[in-house]
């Protein structure tokens, strides 16, 4: 759910910026999106091969 909110905030910030608004909206949206994607990546299970026992 986090990346969806980040994309929505980024899109709203870009639209506001195009209409003469502040640059802080797109920056906040991009920051939130990157943080949420990073957290989602960390939660994915790693596909590691099990260590062989001697």
PDB file of N, CA and C in Angstrom:
ATOM      1  N   UNK A   1       0.823  -1.198   0.000  1.00  0.00           N
ATOM      2  CA  UNK A   1       0.000   0.000   0.000  1.00  0.00           C
ATOM      3  C   UNK A   1       0.862   1.256   0.000  1.00  0.00           C
ATOM      4  N   UNK A   2       2.049   1.184   0.579  1.00  0.00           N
ATOM      5  CA  UNK A   2       2.916   2.350   0.666  1.00  0.00           C
ATOM      6  C   UNK A   2       3.356   2.898  -0.678  1.00  0.00           C
ATOM      7  N   UNK A   3       3.846   2.038  -1.605  1.00  0.00           N
ATOM      8  CA  UNK A   3       4.251   2.562  -2.910  1.00  0.00           C
ATOM      9  C   UNK A   3       3.097   3.213  -3.680  1.00  0.00           C
ATOM     10  N   UNK A   4       1.884   2.718  -3.495  1.00  0.00           N
ATOM     11  CA  UNK A   4       0.731   3.309  -4.176  1.00  0.00           C
ATOM     12  C   UNK A   4       0.518   4.741  -3.685  1.00  0.00           C
ATOM     13  N   UNK A   5       0.622   4.935  -2.392  1.00  0.00           N
ATOM     14  CA  UNK A   5       0.463   6.273  -1.830  1.00  0.00           C
ATOM     15  C   UNK A   5       1.590   7.186  -2.306  1.00  0.00           C
ATOM     16  N   UNK A   6       2.814   6.647  -2.394  1.00  0.00           N
ATOM     17  CA  UNK A   6       3.938   7.430  -2.891  1.00  0.00           C
ATOM     18  C   UNK A   6       3.737   7.877  -4.333  1.00  0.00           C
ATOM     19  N   UNK A   7       3.229   6.969  -5.172  1.00  0.00           N
ATOM     20  CA  UNK A   7       2.972   7.324  -6.575  1.00  0.00           C
ATOM     21  C   UNK A   7       1.872   8.370  -6.670  1.00  0.00           C
ATOM     22  N   UNK A   8       0.832   8.214  -5.861  1.00  0.00           N
ATOM     23  CA  UNK A   8      -0.260   9.190  -5.889  1.00  0.00           C
ATOM     24  C   UNK A   8       0.217  10.566  -5.431  1.00  0.00           C
ATOM     25  N   UNK A   9       1.032  10.610  -4.389  1.00  0.00           N
ATOM     26  CA  UNK A   9       1.557  11.888  -3.912  1.00  0.00           C
ATOM     27  C   UNK A   9       2.496  12.507  -4.939  1.00  0.00           C
ATOM     28  N   UNK A  10       3.310  11.680  -5.583  1.00  0.00           N
ATOM     29  CA  UNK A  10       4.212  12.182  -6.619  1.00  0.00           C
ATOM     30  C   UNK A  10       3.420  12.759  -7.788  1.00  0.00           C
ATOM     31  N   UNK A  11       2.384  12.049  -8.233  1.00  0.00           N
ATOM     32  CA  UNK A  11       1.562  12.532  -9.338  1.00  0.00           C
ATOM     33  C   UNK A  11       0.853  13.842  -8.976  1.00  0.00           C
ATOM     34  N   UNK A  12       0.317  13.912  -7.771  1.00  0.00           N
ATOM     35  CA  UNK A  12      -0.351  15.139  -7.329  1.00  0.00           C
ATOM     36  C   UNK A  12       0.649  16.292  -7.200  1.00  0.00           C
ATOM     37  N   UNK A  13       1.842  15.990  -6.717  1.00  0.00           N
ATOM     38  CA  UNK A  13       2.861  17.027  -6.592  1.00  0.00           C
ATOM     39  C   UNK A  13       3.318  17.550  -7.928  1.00  0.00           C
ATOM     40  N   UNK A  14       3.470  16.649  -8.911  1.00  0.00           N
ATOM     41  CA  UNK A  14       3.871  17.083 -10.253  1.00  0.00           C
ATOM     42  C   UNK A  14       2.781  17.942 -10.885  1.00  0.00           C
ATOM     43  N   UNK A  15       1.536  17.522 -10.725  1.00  0.00           N
ATOM     44  CA  UNK A  15       0.426  18.307 -11.274  1.00  0.00           C
ATOM     45  C   UNK A  15       0.355  19.690 -10.632  1.00  0.00           C
ATOM     46  N   UNK A  16       0.553  19.754  -9.327  1.00  0.00           N
ATOM     47  CA  UNK A  16       0.544  21.036  -8.632  1.00  0.00           C
ATOM     48  C   UNK A  16       1.706  21.906  -9.096  1.00  0.00           C
ATOM     49  N   UNK A  17       2.868  21.291  -9.281  1.00  0.00           N
ATOM     50  CA  UNK A  17       4.040  22.041  -9.739  1.00  0.00           C
ATOM     51  C   UNK A  17       3.829  22.597 -11.148  1.00  0.00           C
ATOM     52  N   UNK A  18       3.190  21.825 -12.013  1.00  0.00           N
ATOM     53  CA  UNK A  18       2.907  22.293 -13.376  1.00  0.00           C
ATOM     54  C   UNK A  18       1.951  23.472 -13.378  1.00  0.00           C
ATOM     55  N   UNK A  19       1.105  23.538 -12.379  1.00  0.00           N
ATOM     56  CA  UNK A  19       0.145  24.639 -12.284  1.00  0.00           C
ATOM     57  C   UNK A  19       0.694  25.817 -11.488  1.00  0.00           C
ATOM     58  N   UNK A  20       2.008  25.841 -11.259  1.00  0.00           N
ATOM     59  CA  UNK A  20       2.630  26.979 -10.593  1.00  0.00           C
ATOM     60  C   UNK A  20       2.847  26.807  -9.112  1.00  0.00           C
ATOM     61  N   UNK A  21       2.723  25.611  -8.614  1.00  0.00           N
ATOM     62  CA  UNK A  21       2.900  25.363  -7.182  1.00  0.00           C
ATOM     63  C   UNK A  21       4.358  25.192  -6.795  1.00  0.00           C
ATOM     64  N   UNK A  22       4.563  24.820  -5.576  1.00  0.00           N
ATOM     65  CA  UNK A  22       5.898  24.645  -5.023  1.00  0.00           C
ATOM     66  C   UNK A  22       6.527  23.338  -5.500  1.00  0.00           C
ATOM     67  N   UNK A  23       7.859  23.293  -5.486  1.00  0.00           N
ATOM     68  CA  UNK A  23       8.595  22.097  -5.878  1.00  0.00           C
ATOM     69  C   UNK A  23       8.638  21.081  -4.734  1.00  0.00           C
ATOM     70  N   UNK A  24       8.187  21.441  -3.556  1.00  0.00           N
ATOM     71  CA  UNK A  24       8.264  20.538  -2.408  1.00  0.00           C
ATOM     72  C   UNK A  24       7.327  19.332  -2.546  1.00  0.00           C
ATOM     73  N   UNK A  25       6.240  19.464  -3.276  1.00  0.00           N
ATOM     74  CA  UNK A  25       5.310  18.348  -3.462  1.00  0.00           C
ATOM     75  C   UNK A  25       5.928  17.185  -4.227  1.00  0.00           C
ATOM     76  N   UNK A  26       6.493  17.448  -5.417  1.00  0.00           N
ATOM     77  CA  UNK A  26       7.146  16.346  -6.136  1.00  0.00           C
ATOM     78  C   UNK A  26       8.340  15.761  -5.398  1.00  0.00           C
ATOM     79  N   UNK A  27       9.084  16.595  -4.681  1.00  0.00           N
ATOM     80  CA  UNK A  27      10.231  16.094  -3.918  1.00  0.00           C
ATOM     81  C   UNK A  27       9.756  15.178  -2.800  1.00  0.00           C
ATOM     82  N   UNK A  28       8.715  15.582  -2.087  1.00  0.00           N
ATOM     83  CA  UNK A  28       8.176  14.750  -1.001  1.00  0.00           C
ATOM     84  C   UNK A  28       7.605  13.447  -1.554  1.00  0.00           C
ATOM     85  N   UNK A  29       6.906  13.517  -2.681  1.00  0.00           N
ATOM     86  CA  UNK A  29       6.356  12.309  -3.290  1.00  0.00           C
ATOM     87  C   UNK A  29       7.444  11.349  -3.731  1.00  0.00           C
ATOM     88  N   UNK A  30       8.489  11.876  -4.353  1.00  0.00           N
ATOM     89  CA  UNK A  30       9.596  11.027  -4.803  1.00  0.00           C
ATOM     90  C   UNK A  30      10.316  10.406  -3.612  1.00  0.00           C
ATOM     91  N   UNK A  31      10.527  11.177  -2.566  1.00  0.00           N
ATOM     92  CA  UNK A  31      11.190  10.668  -1.369  1.00  0.00           C
ATOM     93  C   UNK A  31      10.370   9.552  -0.730  1.00  0.00           C
ATOM     94  N   UNK A  32       9.078   9.764  -0.602  1.00  0.00           N
ATOM     95  CA  UNK A  32       8.209   8.756  -0.006  1.00  0.00           C
ATOM     96  C   UNK A  32       8.163   7.490  -0.860  1.00  0.00           C
ATOM     97  N   UNK A  33       8.123   7.655  -2.175  1.00  0.00           N
ATOM     98  CA  UNK A  33       8.097   6.508  -3.067  1.00  0.00           C
ATOM     99  C   UNK A  33       9.384   5.697  -2.968  1.00  0.00           C
ATOM    100  N   UNK A  34      10.528   6.363  -2.951  1.00  0.00           N
ATOM    101  CA  UNK A  34      11.804   5.658  -2.853  1.00  0.00           C
ATOM    102  C   UNK A  34      11.919   4.915  -1.526  1.00  0.00           C
ATOM    103  N   UNK A  35      11.541   5.543  -0.439  1.00  0.00           N
ATOM    104  CA  UNK A  35      11.607   4.895   0.874  1.00  0.00           C
ATOM    105  C   UNK A  35      10.680   3.680   0.914  1.00  0.00           C
ATOM    106  N   UNK A  36       9.472   3.810   0.387  1.00  0.00           N
ATOM    107  CA  UNK A  36       8.539   2.679   0.398  1.00  0.00           C
ATOM    108  C   UNK A  36       9.008   1.534  -0.486  1.00  0.00           C
ATOM    109  N   UNK A  37       9.581   1.839  -1.649  1.00  0.00           N
ATOM    110  CA  UNK A  37      10.115   0.783  -2.507  1.00  0.00           C
ATOM    111  C   UNK A  37      11.302   0.089  -1.855  1.00  0.00           C
ATOM    112  N   UNK A  38      12.139   0.852  -1.169  1.00  0.00           N
ATOM    113  CA  UNK A  38      13.295   0.271  -0.472  1.00  0.00           C
ATOM    114  C   UNK A  38      12.837  -0.662   0.645  1.00  0.00           C
ATOM    115  N   UNK A  39      11.833  -0.243   1.398  1.00  0.00           N
ATOM    116  CA  UNK A  39      11.318  -1.084   2.478  1.00  0.00           C
ATOM    117  C   UNK A  39      10.664  -2.351   1.921  1.00  0.00           C
ATOM    118  N   UNK A  40       9.951  -2.234   0.810  1.00  0.00           N
ATOM    119  CA  UNK A  40       9.337  -3.413   0.196  1.00  0.00           C
ATOM    120  C   UNK A  40      10.417  -4.363  -0.305  1.00  0.00           C
ATOM    121  N   UNK A  41      11.491  -3.843  -0.865  1.00  0.00           N
ATOM    122  CA  UNK A  41      12.592  -4.682  -1.353  1.00  0.00           C
ATOM    123  C   UNK A  41      13.256  -5.433  -0.204  1.00  0.00           C
ATOM    124  N   UNK A  42      13.417  -4.770   0.923  1.00  0.00           N
ATOM    125  CA  UNK A  42      14.042  -5.412   2.076  1.00  0.00           C
ATOM    126  C   UNK A  42      13.186  -6.536   2.638  1.00  0.00           C
ATOM    127  N   UNK A  43      11.882  -6.435   2.497  1.00  0.00           N
ATOM    128  CA  UNK A  43      10.981  -7.448   3.045  1.00  0.00           C
ATOM    129  C   UNK A  43      10.848  -8.669   2.149  1.00  0.00           C
ATOM    130  N   UNK A  44      11.255  -8.570   0.897  1.00  0.00           N
ATOM    131  CA  UNK A  44      11.164  -9.723   0.006  1.00  0.00           C
ATOM    132  C   UNK A  44      12.102 -10.818   0.481  1.00  0.00           C
ATOM    133  N   UNK A  45      11.631 -12.048   0.425  1.00  0.00           N
ATOM    134  CA  UNK A  45      12.522 -13.145   0.839  1.00  0.00           C
ATOM    135  C   UNK A  45      13.655 -13.298  -0.168  1.00  0.00           C
ATOM    136  N   UNK A  46      14.812 -13.511   0.352  1.00  0.00           N
ATOM    137  CA  UNK A  46      15.981 -13.705  -0.500  1.00  0.00           C
ATOM    138  C   UNK A  46      15.974 -15.128  -1.034  1.00  0.00           C
ATOM    139  N   UNK A  47      16.266 -15.269  -2.278  1.00  0.00           N
ATOM    140  CA  UNK A  47      16.336 -16.605  -2.881  1.00  0.00           C
ATOM    141  C   UNK A  47      17.780 -17.074  -2.841  1.00  0.00           C
ATOM    142  N   UNK A  48      18.181 -17.498  -1.692  1.00  0.00           N
ATOM    143  CA  UNK A  48      19.543 -17.970  -1.497  1.00  0.00           C
ATOM    144  C   UNK A  48      19.556 -19.480  -1.522  1.00  0.00           C
ATOM    145  N   UNK A  49      20.674 -19.997  -1.981  1.00  0.00           N
ATOM    146  CA  UNK A  49      20.860 -21.444  -1.923  1.00  0.00           C
ATOM    147  C   UNK A  49      21.276 -21.796  -0.504  1.00  0.00           C
ATOM    148  N   UNK A  50      20.727 -22.856   0.053  1.00  0.00           N
ATOM    149  CA  UNK A  50      21.126 -23.242   1.413  1.00  0.00           C
ATOM    150  C   UNK A  50      22.586 -23.673   1.428  1.00  0.00           C
ATOM    151  N   UNK A  51      23.227 -23.341   2.529  1.00  0.00           N
ATOM    152  CA  UNK A  51      24.641 -23.718   2.674  1.00  0.00           C
ATOM    153  C   UNK A  51      24.753 -25.218   2.824  1.00  0.00           C
ATOM    154  N   UNK A  52      25.729 -25.782   2.153  1.00  0.00           N
ATOM    155  CA  UNK A  52      25.954 -27.221   2.226  1.00  0.00           C
ATOM    156  C   UNK A  52      26.680 -27.568   3.532  1.00  0.00           C
ATOM    157  N   UNK A  53      26.238 -28.618   4.179  1.00  0.00           N
ATOM    158  CA  UNK A  53      26.883 -29.065   5.411  1.00  0.00           C
ATOM    159  C   UNK A  53      28.045 -29.995   5.047  1.00  0.00           C
ATOM    160  N   UNK A  54      29.153 -29.881   5.781  1.00  0.00           N
ATOM    161  CA  UNK A  54      30.295 -30.762   5.477  1.00  0.00           C
ATOM    162  C   UNK A  54      30.082 -32.201   5.903  1.00  0.00           C
TER     163      UNK A  54
END
